[in-house]
Structures are given as structure tokens and as C-alpha cells.
Amino acid sequence: MRKLLASLAITMGAVGTAHAQEDLQANADPNAGQELAASCAACHGQNGISAIGSFPNLAGQQMSYLAKQIMDIRDGDRQVAQMAGQVDDFSDQDAWDVAAYFAEMDPNIGQAKDDEALLERGQVLYRAGDMDKGIPACAACHTPTGQGIGTAVYPALSGQLAEYTVSTLQDFAAGERHNDPNAIMRDIASKMSDDDMEAVANYVLGLH
């Protein structure tokens, strides 16, 4: 009986947290987010498009995904050395406000490398995956156009900088990043070769 009550309490707590986040998302204010995001431009660009390959583009990112990343970094669930101290004082509502601000921006229109073999491999992995390696199609979660799925907290990939995408996949593969639900990205990335990562990163850069 105690185990049942404890399980119910955990379930109710999770439901309450989910509802609270839904309320915060519904009340997200991009204007408030713009003020909070003033310092973000140094790394992520004035329009949310970074000029430095190691920093991600944030423009057009799914609001739910970006809010989660901000809160995970704040809470120590995702380690990003360059973000140290940047969001320590953010409330959950602040995170949603900043996410709403970037979500409204026009995403980057990238240009993939004109390398036929690289593009072909990237397209195959993104559209169909590699069943021999146990790699599912990226499009299944990130959509055929790379827009992501906000309700599932799956990020947009379209136009993302290749250097950042590769480093992210490497971090997942090594287990250095571990804030992916059910370890889904850690499992996938661990099955990818360096060439696979480069191919997918190049493909999504030009996907739009």
C-alpha cells in the first residue's frame, strides 16, 4: 500500500510539473525575453544566428526545446562551460520568455558543402537511417524539413551550424551530454562514425 501511495504521489507530482510548464509556455513573453537575452548576442548573434561554428544558432528553435535546455543548464543537468553563470538567476518563466523570443526569429538558411558523396550519405541517414547500424532516420523525430516537434521537445535542426552539430553528436556518443530523454540521442550517436556525423551535420545545415 505504501509503495502504491508513493507511486501515485510521484505520478501526481510529474503531472503537476507538466501542467505548470504548460502554463509558463502559454504565458511566455518574447518582449521580456528580448531584454533577458541581450547578452546572448555575443555568442549567438544579434538575430540568433551565430558567426562562430562552436555556438549554436537559436533563431527559429522550438520554444519547448530551448526552454528545457536553459533550465537544464541552470540546474546542472547539462554542462556547458561557456554558459557558466549566464542563466543561474533565471526563473522557469524567464527561460520560457527567452525561448519565445528566439522561437519567433527567422531561422538560418544554410548552405551545405557541395560534396556529392557527403550529401548523399547525409541524406540517407537523415531520411532513412542505417538499419545495419541500428541508426533510425533523423526525420522521424526532427521532421523531413528539420523543424523539430515542439510538443515532443524535439529540436529544429534546419540550418544548424555543422561544427556545432558534430560536437553535439560527439558529446552524446561519449556520454558527456546526458539530458536527452530515455538516452535516445546517446544511443543513436554511439552508433555513428565520425564520417556519419559529418555527413548528417552537413546535410542539416543546408536543409530548409
N, C-alpha and C. Protein backbone atom coordinates (compact mmCIF):
# COMPACT_ATOMS: atom_id res chain seq x y z
N MET A 1 0.83 -1.20 0.00
CA MET A 1 0.00 0.00 0.00
C MET A 1 0.87 1.26 0.00
N ARG A 2 1.94 1.24 0.80
CA ARG A 2 2.83 2.39 0.85
C ARG A 2 3.49 2.64 -0.50
N LYS A 3 3.89 1.52 -1.15
CA LYS A 3 4.51 1.65 -2.46
C LYS A 3 3.53 2.24 -3.46
N LEU A 4 2.28 1.83 -3.39
CA LEU A 4 1.26 2.35 -4.29
C LEU A 4 1.06 3.84 -4.06
N LEU A 5 0.97 4.24 -2.79
CA LEU A 5 0.78 5.66 -2.48
C LEU A 5 1.97 6.48 -2.93
N ALA A 6 3.17 5.93 -2.74
CA ALA A 6 4.38 6.65 -3.16
C ALA A 6 4.40 6.81 -4.67
N SER A 7 4.01 5.73 -5.39
CA SER A 7 3.97 5.78 -6.85
C SER A 7 2.96 6.81 -7.34
N LEU A 8 1.79 6.84 -6.69
CA LEU A 8 0.76 7.81 -7.05
C LEU A 8 1.24 9.24 -6.79
N ALA A 9 1.96 9.42 -5.69
CA ALA A 9 2.46 10.76 -5.36
C ALA A 9 3.45 11.23 -6.40
N ILE A 10 4.34 10.32 -6.83
CA ILE A 10 5.32 10.67 -7.86
C ILE A 10 4.62 11.02 -9.17
N THR A 11 3.63 10.20 -9.52
CA THR A 11 2.89 10.44 -10.77
C THR A 11 2.17 11.77 -10.72
N MET A 12 1.50 12.05 -9.62
CA MET A 12 0.77 13.31 -9.48
C MET A 12 1.73 14.50 -9.51
N GLY A 13 2.91 14.31 -8.90
CA GLY A 13 3.90 15.37 -8.92
C GLY A 13 4.38 15.67 -10.32
N ALA A 14 4.61 14.61 -11.12
CA ALA A 14 5.04 14.79 -12.51
C ALA A 14 3.97 15.47 -13.33
N VAL A 15 2.71 15.08 -13.11
CA VAL A 15 1.60 15.70 -13.84
C VAL A 15 1.50 17.18 -13.48
N GLY A 16 1.66 17.47 -12.19
CA GLY A 16 1.60 18.86 -11.75
C GLY A 16 2.70 19.70 -12.36
N THR A 17 3.91 19.13 -12.43
CA THR A 17 5.04 19.84 -13.04
C THR A 17 4.79 20.11 -14.52
N ALA A 18 4.26 19.10 -15.22
CA ALA A 18 3.96 19.26 -16.64
C ALA A 18 2.93 20.36 -16.87
N HIS A 19 1.89 20.38 -16.02
CA HIS A 19 0.87 21.41 -16.16
C HIS A 19 1.43 22.79 -15.87
N ALA A 20 2.33 22.86 -14.89
CA ALA A 20 2.95 24.14 -14.55
C ALA A 20 3.77 24.66 -15.72
N GLN A 21 4.52 23.78 -16.39
CA GLN A 21 5.32 24.19 -17.53
C GLN A 21 4.42 24.62 -18.71
N GLU A 22 3.30 23.94 -18.86
CA GLU A 22 2.35 24.33 -19.92
C GLU A 22 1.83 25.74 -19.66
N ASP A 23 1.55 26.06 -18.40
CA ASP A 23 1.09 27.41 -18.06
C ASP A 23 2.18 28.44 -18.34
N LEU A 24 3.43 28.11 -18.02
CA LEU A 24 4.53 29.03 -18.27
C LEU A 24 4.71 29.25 -19.77
N GLN A 25 4.58 28.19 -20.55
CA GLN A 25 4.70 28.31 -22.00
C GLN A 25 3.58 29.18 -22.55
N ALA A 26 2.38 28.99 -22.05
CA ALA A 26 1.24 29.77 -22.54
C ALA A 26 1.40 31.25 -22.24
N ASN A 27 2.12 31.55 -21.16
CA ASN A 27 2.32 32.95 -20.76
C ASN A 27 3.67 33.52 -21.18
N ALA A 28 4.40 32.77 -22.00
CA ALA A 28 5.74 33.22 -22.43
C ALA A 28 5.65 34.56 -23.16
N ASP A 29 6.53 35.48 -22.79
CA ASP A 29 6.53 36.85 -23.32
C ASP A 29 7.84 37.11 -24.07
N PRO A 30 7.80 37.12 -25.40
CA PRO A 30 9.03 37.36 -26.16
C PRO A 30 9.65 38.73 -25.91
N ASN A 31 8.84 39.71 -25.57
CA ASN A 31 9.39 41.04 -25.28
C ASN A 31 10.22 41.02 -24.00
N ALA A 32 9.73 40.32 -22.99
CA ALA A 32 10.51 40.16 -21.77
C ALA A 32 11.76 39.32 -22.07
N GLY A 33 11.61 38.34 -22.95
CA GLY A 33 12.73 37.50 -23.33
C GLY A 33 13.82 38.27 -24.04
N GLN A 34 13.43 39.25 -24.82
CA GLN A 34 14.42 40.06 -25.55
C GLN A 34 15.34 40.79 -24.59
N GLU A 35 14.79 41.33 -23.52
CA GLU A 35 15.61 42.03 -22.53
C GLU A 35 16.56 41.06 -21.84
N LEU A 36 16.05 39.90 -21.49
CA LEU A 36 16.88 38.91 -20.79
C LEU A 36 17.98 38.35 -21.69
N ALA A 37 17.70 38.34 -23.00
CA ALA A 37 18.63 37.72 -23.96
C ALA A 37 19.68 38.67 -24.51
N ALA A 38 19.75 39.87 -23.98
CA ALA A 38 20.67 40.88 -24.52
C ALA A 38 22.11 40.37 -24.59
N SER A 39 22.55 39.68 -23.55
CA SER A 39 23.94 39.21 -23.52
C SER A 39 24.17 37.99 -24.42
N CYS A 40 23.10 37.34 -24.86
CA CYS A 40 23.22 36.14 -25.69
C CYS A 40 23.83 36.45 -27.06
N ALA A 41 23.65 37.70 -27.51
CA ALA A 41 24.11 38.08 -28.85
C ALA A 41 25.60 37.91 -29.03
N ALA A 42 26.37 38.02 -27.95
CA ALA A 42 27.83 37.92 -28.06
C ALA A 42 28.26 36.59 -28.66
N CYS A 43 27.53 35.53 -28.36
CA CYS A 43 27.88 34.20 -28.88
C CYS A 43 26.92 33.71 -29.95
N HIS A 44 25.65 34.08 -29.82
CA HIS A 44 24.62 33.52 -30.69
C HIS A 44 24.14 34.48 -31.78
N GLY A 45 24.73 35.67 -31.83
CA GLY A 45 24.40 36.62 -32.89
C GLY A 45 23.21 37.50 -32.56
N GLN A 46 23.19 38.70 -33.14
CA GLN A 46 22.11 39.65 -32.90
C GLN A 46 20.76 39.11 -33.31
N ASN A 47 20.75 38.28 -34.35
CA ASN A 47 19.50 37.72 -34.86
C ASN A 47 19.37 36.24 -34.54
N GLY A 48 20.12 35.80 -33.53
CA GLY A 48 20.05 34.40 -33.14
C GLY A 48 20.79 33.46 -34.06
N ILE A 49 21.60 34.01 -34.96
CA ILE A 49 22.39 33.20 -35.89
C ILE A 49 23.86 33.47 -35.60
N SER A 50 24.56 32.45 -35.15
CA SER A 50 25.93 32.60 -34.68
C SER A 50 26.92 32.71 -35.84
N ALA A 51 27.93 33.53 -35.63
CA ALA A 51 29.02 33.65 -36.61
C ALA A 51 30.16 32.71 -36.28
N ILE A 52 30.03 31.99 -35.17
CA ILE A 52 31.08 31.10 -34.69
C ILE A 52 30.54 29.67 -34.67
N GLY A 53 31.22 28.77 -35.35
CA GLY A 53 30.72 27.41 -35.52
C GLY A 53 30.49 26.63 -34.25
N SER A 54 31.19 26.97 -33.18
CA SER A 54 31.04 26.21 -31.94
C SER A 54 29.83 26.62 -31.12
N PHE A 55 29.19 27.74 -31.50
CA PHE A 55 27.99 28.19 -30.79
C PHE A 55 26.77 27.96 -31.67
N PRO A 56 25.69 27.41 -31.13
CA PRO A 56 24.53 27.09 -31.96
C PRO A 56 23.71 28.30 -32.38
N ASN A 57 23.07 28.18 -33.52
CA ASN A 57 22.02 29.12 -33.89
C ASN A 57 20.82 28.85 -32.99
N LEU A 58 20.19 29.92 -32.53
CA LEU A 58 19.00 29.79 -31.70
C LEU A 58 17.74 30.27 -32.41
N ALA A 59 17.91 31.04 -33.45
CA ALA A 59 16.76 31.59 -34.19
C ALA A 59 15.90 30.48 -34.76
N GLY A 60 14.61 30.57 -34.49
CA GLY A 60 13.66 29.60 -35.05
C GLY A 60 13.64 28.27 -34.32
N GLN A 61 14.35 28.17 -33.20
CA GLN A 61 14.38 26.92 -32.46
C GLN A 61 13.02 26.68 -31.78
N GLN A 62 12.66 25.40 -31.62
CA GLN A 62 11.42 25.07 -30.92
C GLN A 62 11.47 25.65 -29.50
N MET A 63 10.41 26.36 -29.14
CA MET A 63 10.38 27.03 -27.85
C MET A 63 10.51 26.04 -26.69
N SER A 64 9.82 24.93 -26.76
CA SER A 64 9.85 23.96 -25.67
C SER A 64 11.25 23.38 -25.48
N TYR A 65 11.94 23.13 -26.60
CA TYR A 65 13.29 22.57 -26.51
C TYR A 65 14.26 23.57 -25.91
N LEU A 66 14.20 24.81 -26.38
CA LEU A 66 15.14 25.82 -25.90
C LEU A 66 14.91 26.13 -24.42
N ALA A 67 13.65 26.20 -24.02
CA ALA A 67 13.35 26.43 -22.60
C ALA A 67 13.92 25.31 -21.74
N LYS A 68 13.77 24.08 -22.20
CA LYS A 68 14.32 22.94 -21.46
C LYS A 68 15.83 23.03 -21.34
N GLN A 69 16.51 23.39 -22.42
CA GLN A 69 17.97 23.49 -22.37
C GLN A 69 18.42 24.56 -21.38
N ILE A 70 17.74 25.69 -21.38
CA ILE A 70 18.09 26.77 -20.46
C ILE A 70 17.93 26.30 -19.02
N MET A 71 16.82 25.63 -18.73
CA MET A 71 16.58 25.16 -17.37
C MET A 71 17.54 24.03 -16.99
N ASP A 72 17.85 23.16 -17.95
CA ASP A 72 18.81 22.08 -17.67
C ASP A 72 20.20 22.64 -17.37
N ILE A 73 20.61 23.66 -18.12
CA ILE A 73 21.91 24.29 -17.86
C ILE A 73 21.90 24.97 -16.49
N ARG A 74 20.84 25.67 -16.21
CA ARG A 74 20.70 26.34 -14.91
C ARG A 74 20.78 25.34 -13.75
N ASP A 75 20.11 24.21 -13.92
CA ASP A 75 20.01 23.22 -12.84
C ASP A 75 21.17 22.23 -12.80
N GLY A 76 22.11 22.37 -13.75
CA GLY A 76 23.27 21.48 -13.75
C GLY A 76 23.04 20.15 -14.43
N ASP A 77 21.90 20.00 -15.10
CA ASP A 77 21.62 18.75 -15.81
C ASP A 77 22.29 18.70 -17.17
N ARG A 78 22.75 19.85 -17.64
CA ARG A 78 23.54 19.92 -18.87
C ARG A 78 24.71 20.86 -18.61
N GLN A 79 25.90 20.35 -18.84
CA GLN A 79 27.11 21.13 -18.58
C GLN A 79 27.58 21.83 -19.86
N VAL A 80 27.60 23.15 -19.84
CA VAL A 80 28.11 23.95 -20.96
C VAL A 80 29.03 25.00 -20.36
N ALA A 81 30.32 24.80 -20.51
CA ALA A 81 31.29 25.68 -19.87
C ALA A 81 31.09 27.14 -20.24
N GLN A 82 30.77 27.38 -21.52
CA GLN A 82 30.61 28.76 -21.99
C GLN A 82 29.37 29.44 -21.39
N MET A 83 28.45 28.65 -20.86
CA MET A 83 27.23 29.20 -20.28
C MET A 83 27.31 29.36 -18.77
N ALA A 84 28.45 29.10 -18.20
CA ALA A 84 28.60 29.17 -16.74
C ALA A 84 28.16 30.53 -16.22
N GLY A 85 27.19 30.52 -15.32
CA GLY A 85 26.72 31.75 -14.68
C GLY A 85 25.73 32.55 -15.50
N GLN A 86 25.54 32.21 -16.77
CA GLN A 86 24.71 33.04 -17.64
C GLN A 86 23.22 32.97 -17.28
N VAL A 87 22.76 31.81 -16.83
CA VAL A 87 21.32 31.67 -16.57
C VAL A 87 21.06 31.21 -15.13
N ASP A 88 22.04 31.36 -14.27
CA ASP A 88 21.89 30.90 -12.88
C ASP A 88 20.70 31.54 -12.17
N ASP A 89 20.41 32.78 -12.51
CA ASP A 89 19.35 33.52 -11.82
C ASP A 89 18.02 33.48 -12.56
N PHE A 90 17.94 32.73 -13.64
CA PHE A 90 16.71 32.66 -14.41
C PHE A 90 15.64 31.85 -13.66
N SER A 91 14.43 32.36 -13.67
CA SER A 91 13.29 31.57 -13.22
C SER A 91 12.82 30.71 -14.39
N ASP A 92 11.91 29.78 -14.14
CA ASP A 92 11.35 29.00 -15.23
C ASP A 92 10.68 29.92 -16.25
N GLN A 93 9.98 30.94 -15.75
CA GLN A 93 9.31 31.86 -16.68
C GLN A 93 10.32 32.63 -17.52
N ASP A 94 11.44 33.00 -16.94
CA ASP A 94 12.50 33.66 -17.71
C ASP A 94 12.96 32.77 -18.86
N ALA A 95 13.14 31.49 -18.55
CA ALA A 95 13.58 30.54 -19.58
C ALA A 95 12.58 30.47 -20.72
N TRP A 96 11.32 30.41 -20.39
CA TRP A 96 10.28 30.36 -21.43
C TRP A 96 10.20 31.67 -22.21
N ASP A 97 10.40 32.80 -21.53
CA ASP A 97 10.36 34.10 -22.21
C ASP A 97 11.50 34.21 -23.24
N VAL A 98 12.70 33.82 -22.84
CA VAL A 98 13.84 33.86 -23.75
C VAL A 98 13.62 32.89 -24.92
N ALA A 99 13.10 31.72 -24.61
CA ALA A 99 12.83 30.73 -25.66
C ALA A 99 11.80 31.26 -26.65
N ALA A 100 10.79 31.96 -26.14
CA ALA A 100 9.77 32.53 -27.02
C ALA A 100 10.37 33.60 -27.93
N TYR A 101 11.31 34.36 -27.39
CA TYR A 101 11.97 35.42 -28.17
C TYR A 101 12.73 34.83 -29.35
N PHE A 102 13.53 33.82 -29.11
CA PHE A 102 14.31 33.21 -30.19
C PHE A 102 13.43 32.41 -31.15
N ALA A 103 12.38 31.80 -30.63
CA ALA A 103 11.50 30.99 -31.48
C ALA A 103 10.82 31.82 -32.55
N GLU A 104 10.61 33.12 -32.27
CA GLU A 104 9.94 33.99 -33.24
C GLU A 104 10.87 34.48 -34.35
N MET A 105 12.17 34.29 -34.19
CA MET A 105 13.13 34.78 -35.19
C MET A 105 13.16 33.88 -36.41
N ASP A 106 13.55 34.45 -37.54
CA ASP A 106 13.69 33.67 -38.76
C ASP A 106 14.91 32.77 -38.65
N PRO A 107 14.76 31.47 -38.94
CA PRO A 107 15.90 30.55 -38.82
C PRO A 107 16.95 30.79 -39.88
N ASN A 108 18.12 30.25 -39.64
CA ASN A 108 19.23 30.37 -40.58
C ASN A 108 18.95 29.58 -41.86
N ILE A 109 19.32 30.16 -42.99
CA ILE A 109 19.29 29.45 -44.27
C ILE A 109 20.74 29.11 -44.60
N GLY A 110 21.10 27.87 -44.34
CA GLY A 110 22.48 27.46 -44.52
C GLY A 110 22.77 26.90 -45.89
N GLN A 111 24.04 26.71 -46.17
CA GLN A 111 24.49 26.17 -47.45
C GLN A 111 25.40 24.98 -47.17
N ALA A 112 24.95 23.79 -47.55
CA ALA A 112 25.75 22.58 -47.34
C ALA A 112 26.94 22.57 -48.30
N LYS A 113 27.98 21.82 -47.92
CA LYS A 113 29.12 21.64 -48.81
C LYS A 113 28.70 20.92 -50.07
N ASP A 114 29.21 21.36 -51.20
CA ASP A 114 28.87 20.74 -52.47
C ASP A 114 29.78 19.53 -52.69
N ASP A 115 29.49 18.49 -51.92
CA ASP A 115 30.26 17.25 -51.97
C ASP A 115 29.25 16.13 -52.17
N GLU A 116 29.20 15.56 -53.36
CA GLU A 116 28.14 14.62 -53.72
C GLU A 116 28.07 13.43 -52.77
N ALA A 117 29.21 12.84 -52.45
CA ALA A 117 29.22 11.67 -51.58
C ALA A 117 28.77 12.03 -50.17
N LEU A 118 29.23 13.18 -49.67
CA LEU A 118 28.87 13.64 -48.34
C LEU A 118 27.38 13.94 -48.26
N LEU A 119 26.87 14.62 -49.27
CA LEU A 119 25.45 14.94 -49.30
C LEU A 119 24.58 13.69 -49.39
N GLU A 120 25.00 12.75 -50.20
CA GLU A 120 24.22 11.52 -50.38
C GLU A 120 24.14 10.73 -49.07
N ARG A 121 25.30 10.61 -48.39
CA ARG A 121 25.31 9.88 -47.12
C ARG A 121 24.47 10.61 -46.07
N GLY A 122 24.58 11.93 -46.03
CA GLY A 122 23.79 12.70 -45.08
C GLY A 122 22.30 12.57 -45.32
N GLN A 123 21.92 12.58 -46.59
CA GLN A 123 20.51 12.46 -46.93
C GLN A 123 19.97 11.08 -46.56
N VAL A 124 20.74 10.05 -46.83
CA VAL A 124 20.31 8.69 -46.48
C VAL A 124 20.11 8.56 -44.98
N LEU A 125 21.08 9.03 -44.21
CA LEU A 125 20.97 8.94 -42.76
C LEU A 125 19.79 9.74 -42.24
N TYR A 126 19.62 10.94 -42.77
CA TYR A 126 18.55 11.80 -42.27
C TYR A 126 17.18 11.25 -42.65
N ARG A 127 17.04 10.80 -43.89
CA ARG A 127 15.74 10.37 -44.39
C ARG A 127 15.38 8.92 -44.04
N ALA A 128 16.39 8.06 -44.05
CA ALA A 128 16.11 6.63 -43.89
C ALA A 128 16.87 5.97 -42.75
N GLY A 129 17.93 6.59 -42.27
CA GLY A 129 18.75 5.98 -41.25
C GLY A 129 19.66 4.91 -41.84
N ASP A 130 20.20 4.09 -40.98
CA ASP A 130 21.07 2.98 -41.41
C ASP A 130 20.70 1.78 -40.54
N MET A 131 19.84 0.92 -41.07
CA MET A 131 19.33 -0.21 -40.30
C MET A 131 20.43 -1.19 -39.93
N ASP A 132 21.45 -1.30 -40.77
CA ASP A 132 22.56 -2.21 -40.45
C ASP A 132 23.29 -1.79 -39.18
N LYS A 133 23.35 -0.48 -38.96
CA LYS A 133 24.00 0.04 -37.76
C LYS A 133 23.01 0.29 -36.61
N GLY A 134 21.73 0.15 -36.90
CA GLY A 134 20.73 0.43 -35.88
C GLY A 134 20.47 1.91 -35.68
N ILE A 135 20.73 2.70 -36.73
CA ILE A 135 20.52 4.14 -36.67
C ILE A 135 19.18 4.49 -37.31
N PRO A 136 18.23 5.03 -36.56
CA PRO A 136 16.93 5.40 -37.15
C PRO A 136 17.05 6.69 -37.96
N ALA A 137 16.06 6.95 -38.77
CA ALA A 137 16.03 8.17 -39.58
C ALA A 137 15.88 9.39 -38.67
N CYS A 138 16.72 10.39 -38.89
CA CYS A 138 16.63 11.63 -38.12
C CYS A 138 15.27 12.31 -38.32
N ALA A 139 14.74 12.16 -39.54
CA ALA A 139 13.48 12.81 -39.89
C ALA A 139 12.31 12.35 -39.04
N ALA A 140 12.42 11.16 -38.45
CA ALA A 140 11.32 10.63 -37.65
C ALA A 140 11.03 11.51 -36.45
N CYS A 141 12.05 12.11 -35.87
CA CYS A 141 11.87 12.99 -34.71
C CYS A 141 12.01 14.47 -35.05
N HIS A 142 12.82 14.77 -36.05
CA HIS A 142 13.11 16.17 -36.36
C HIS A 142 12.34 16.67 -37.57
N THR A 143 11.51 15.84 -38.14
CA THR A 143 10.63 16.08 -39.30
C THR A 143 11.44 16.15 -40.60
N PRO A 144 10.80 15.85 -41.72
CA PRO A 144 11.50 15.88 -43.01
C PRO A 144 12.14 17.22 -43.35
N THR A 145 11.55 18.31 -42.84
CA THR A 145 12.09 19.64 -43.13
C THR A 145 13.01 20.17 -42.03
N GLY A 146 13.25 19.34 -41.01
CA GLY A 146 14.16 19.74 -39.95
C GLY A 146 13.60 20.76 -38.97
N GLN A 147 12.27 20.87 -38.88
CA GLN A 147 11.67 21.86 -38.00
C GLN A 147 11.54 21.41 -36.55
N GLY A 148 11.69 20.10 -36.32
CA GLY A 148 11.51 19.59 -34.97
C GLY A 148 10.05 19.48 -34.60
N ILE A 149 9.79 18.96 -33.39
CA ILE A 149 8.42 18.79 -32.91
C ILE A 149 8.32 19.38 -31.51
N GLY A 150 7.67 20.51 -31.41
CA GLY A 150 7.61 21.21 -30.13
C GLY A 150 6.91 20.43 -29.04
N THR A 151 5.83 19.74 -29.36
CA THR A 151 5.08 19.00 -28.35
C THR A 151 5.88 17.85 -27.77
N ALA A 152 6.84 17.34 -28.53
CA ALA A 152 7.68 16.24 -28.06
C ALA A 152 9.03 16.74 -27.55
N VAL A 153 9.25 18.05 -27.61
CA VAL A 153 10.51 18.70 -27.20
C VAL A 153 11.67 18.19 -28.05
N TYR A 154 11.41 17.98 -29.36
CA TYR A 154 12.46 17.61 -30.30
C TYR A 154 12.91 18.87 -31.04
N PRO A 155 14.20 19.15 -31.07
CA PRO A 155 14.67 20.43 -31.62
C PRO A 155 14.63 20.52 -33.13
N ALA A 156 14.56 21.75 -33.60
CA ALA A 156 14.75 22.04 -35.02
C ALA A 156 16.23 21.87 -35.34
N LEU A 157 16.54 21.32 -36.50
CA LEU A 157 17.92 21.15 -36.95
C LEU A 157 18.23 21.95 -38.20
N SER A 158 17.22 22.36 -38.92
CA SER A 158 17.41 23.07 -40.18
C SER A 158 18.31 24.28 -40.02
N GLY A 159 19.38 24.33 -40.83
CA GLY A 159 20.28 25.47 -40.82
C GLY A 159 21.25 25.52 -39.67
N GLN A 160 21.26 24.48 -38.84
CA GLN A 160 22.19 24.49 -37.70
C GLN A 160 23.62 24.34 -38.18
N LEU A 161 24.53 25.02 -37.52
CA LEU A 161 25.93 25.02 -37.93
C LEU A 161 26.53 23.63 -37.80
N ALA A 162 27.26 23.21 -38.83
CA ALA A 162 27.78 21.84 -38.89
C ALA A 162 28.75 21.55 -37.74
N GLU A 163 29.62 22.50 -37.42
CA GLU A 163 30.59 22.27 -36.35
C GLU A 163 29.88 22.00 -35.03
N TYR A 164 28.83 22.75 -34.76
CA TYR A 164 28.09 22.56 -33.52
C TYR A 164 27.37 21.21 -33.52
N THR A 165 26.76 20.85 -34.64
CA THR A 165 26.04 19.58 -34.72
C THR A 165 26.98 18.40 -34.48
N VAL A 166 28.16 18.45 -35.10
CA VAL A 166 29.14 17.37 -34.91
C VAL A 166 29.56 17.29 -33.44
N SER A 167 29.87 18.41 -32.84
CA SER A 167 30.33 18.40 -31.44
C SER A 167 29.23 17.89 -30.51
N THR A 168 27.99 18.21 -30.82
CA THR A 168 26.86 17.75 -30.01
C THR A 168 26.72 16.23 -30.11
N LEU A 169 26.80 15.70 -31.33
CA LEU A 169 26.73 14.26 -31.52
C LEU A 169 27.89 13.56 -30.81
N GLN A 170 29.06 14.14 -30.87
CA GLN A 170 30.21 13.56 -30.19
C GLN A 170 30.00 13.54 -28.68
N ASP A 171 29.44 14.61 -28.14
CA ASP A 171 29.19 14.67 -26.70
C ASP A 171 28.16 13.62 -26.28
N PHE A 172 27.12 13.45 -27.09
CA PHE A 172 26.14 12.41 -26.79
C PHE A 172 26.78 11.03 -26.85
N ALA A 173 27.56 10.79 -27.90
CA ALA A 173 28.19 9.48 -28.09
C ALA A 173 29.11 9.13 -26.92
N ALA A 174 29.79 10.13 -26.39
CA ALA A 174 30.72 9.91 -25.28
C ALA A 174 30.04 9.92 -23.92
N GLY A 175 28.75 10.25 -23.91
CA GLY A 175 28.02 10.32 -22.65
C GLY A 175 28.30 11.59 -21.86
N GLU A 176 29.01 12.53 -22.50
CA GLU A 176 29.32 13.79 -21.81
C GLU A 176 28.10 14.70 -21.75
N ARG A 177 27.18 14.51 -22.66
CA ARG A 177 25.89 15.18 -22.58
C ARG A 177 24.84 14.10 -22.35
N HIS A 178 24.00 14.32 -21.34
CA HIS A 178 23.09 13.25 -20.95
C HIS A 178 21.72 13.78 -20.51
N ASN A 179 21.28 14.85 -21.13
CA ASN A 179 19.95 15.37 -20.79
C ASN A 179 18.91 15.04 -21.86
N ASP A 180 19.19 13.99 -22.64
CA ASP A 180 18.24 13.51 -23.65
C ASP A 180 17.29 12.50 -23.01
N PRO A 181 15.99 12.65 -23.17
CA PRO A 181 15.03 11.72 -22.56
C PRO A 181 15.29 10.28 -23.00
N ASN A 182 15.29 9.38 -22.04
CA ASN A 182 15.47 7.95 -22.30
C ASN A 182 16.78 7.63 -23.03
N ALA A 183 17.75 8.53 -22.95
CA ALA A 183 19.07 8.34 -23.57
C ALA A 183 18.96 8.10 -25.07
N ILE A 184 17.94 8.64 -25.70
CA ILE A 184 17.71 8.35 -27.12
C ILE A 184 18.85 8.83 -28.00
N MET A 185 19.36 10.03 -27.75
CA MET A 185 20.43 10.54 -28.60
C MET A 185 21.78 9.91 -28.25
N ARG A 186 21.97 9.55 -27.00
CA ARG A 186 23.20 8.85 -26.64
C ARG A 186 23.28 7.50 -27.35
N ASP A 187 22.16 6.82 -27.43
CA ASP A 187 22.11 5.51 -28.09
C ASP A 187 22.39 5.66 -29.59
N ILE A 188 21.74 6.64 -30.22
CA ILE A 188 21.90 6.83 -31.66
C ILE A 188 23.32 7.29 -32.00
N ALA A 189 23.80 8.31 -31.31
CA ALA A 189 25.11 8.88 -31.62
C ALA A 189 26.23 7.86 -31.41
N SER A 190 26.08 6.98 -30.44
CA SER A 190 27.12 6.00 -30.16
C SER A 190 27.30 5.01 -31.31
N LYS A 191 26.32 4.93 -32.19
CA LYS A 191 26.39 4.02 -33.33
C LYS A 191 26.88 4.71 -34.61
N MET A 192 27.13 6.00 -34.51
CA MET A 192 27.54 6.77 -35.68
C MET A 192 29.05 6.92 -35.73
N SER A 193 29.61 6.79 -36.92
CA SER A 193 31.04 7.05 -37.12
C SER A 193 31.26 8.55 -37.24
N ASP A 194 32.51 8.97 -37.21
CA ASP A 194 32.82 10.38 -37.42
C ASP A 194 32.32 10.85 -38.78
N ASP A 195 32.46 9.99 -39.79
CA ASP A 195 32.00 10.34 -41.14
C ASP A 195 30.48 10.49 -41.17
N ASP A 196 29.77 9.62 -40.43
CA ASP A 196 28.31 9.73 -40.36
C ASP A 196 27.91 11.07 -39.76
N MET A 197 28.58 11.44 -38.69
CA MET A 197 28.26 12.71 -38.01
C MET A 197 28.51 13.90 -38.93
N GLU A 198 29.63 13.87 -39.62
CA GLU A 198 29.94 14.96 -40.54
C GLU A 198 28.91 15.04 -41.66
N ALA A 199 28.49 13.89 -42.16
CA ALA A 199 27.53 13.87 -43.27
C ALA A 199 26.18 14.42 -42.84
N VAL A 200 25.69 13.99 -41.69
CA VAL A 200 24.40 14.48 -41.19
C VAL A 200 24.48 15.97 -40.89
N ALA A 201 25.57 16.40 -40.27
CA ALA A 201 25.73 17.81 -39.93
C ALA A 201 25.73 18.69 -41.17
N ASN A 202 26.40 18.23 -42.20
CA ASN A 202 26.44 18.98 -43.45
C ASN A 202 25.05 19.03 -44.09
N TYR A 203 24.34 17.91 -44.03
CA TYR A 203 23.02 17.84 -44.66
C TYR A 203 22.03 18.78 -43.98
N VAL A 204 22.00 18.76 -42.63
CA VAL A 204 21.01 19.61 -41.94
C VAL A 204 21.34 21.09 -42.06
N LEU A 205 22.63 21.40 -42.23
CA LEU A 205 22.99 22.81 -42.45
C LEU A 205 22.27 23.37 -43.67
N GLY A 206 22.16 22.57 -44.72
CA GLY A 206 21.51 23.03 -45.94
C GLY A 206 20.05 22.65 -46.06
N LEU A 207 19.50 22.05 -45.00
CA LEU A 207 18.10 21.60 -45.03
C LEU A 207 17.16 22.75 -44.69
N HIS A 208 16.31 23.10 -45.62
CA HIS A 208 15.32 24.16 -45.37
C HIS A 208 14.23 24.11 -46.43
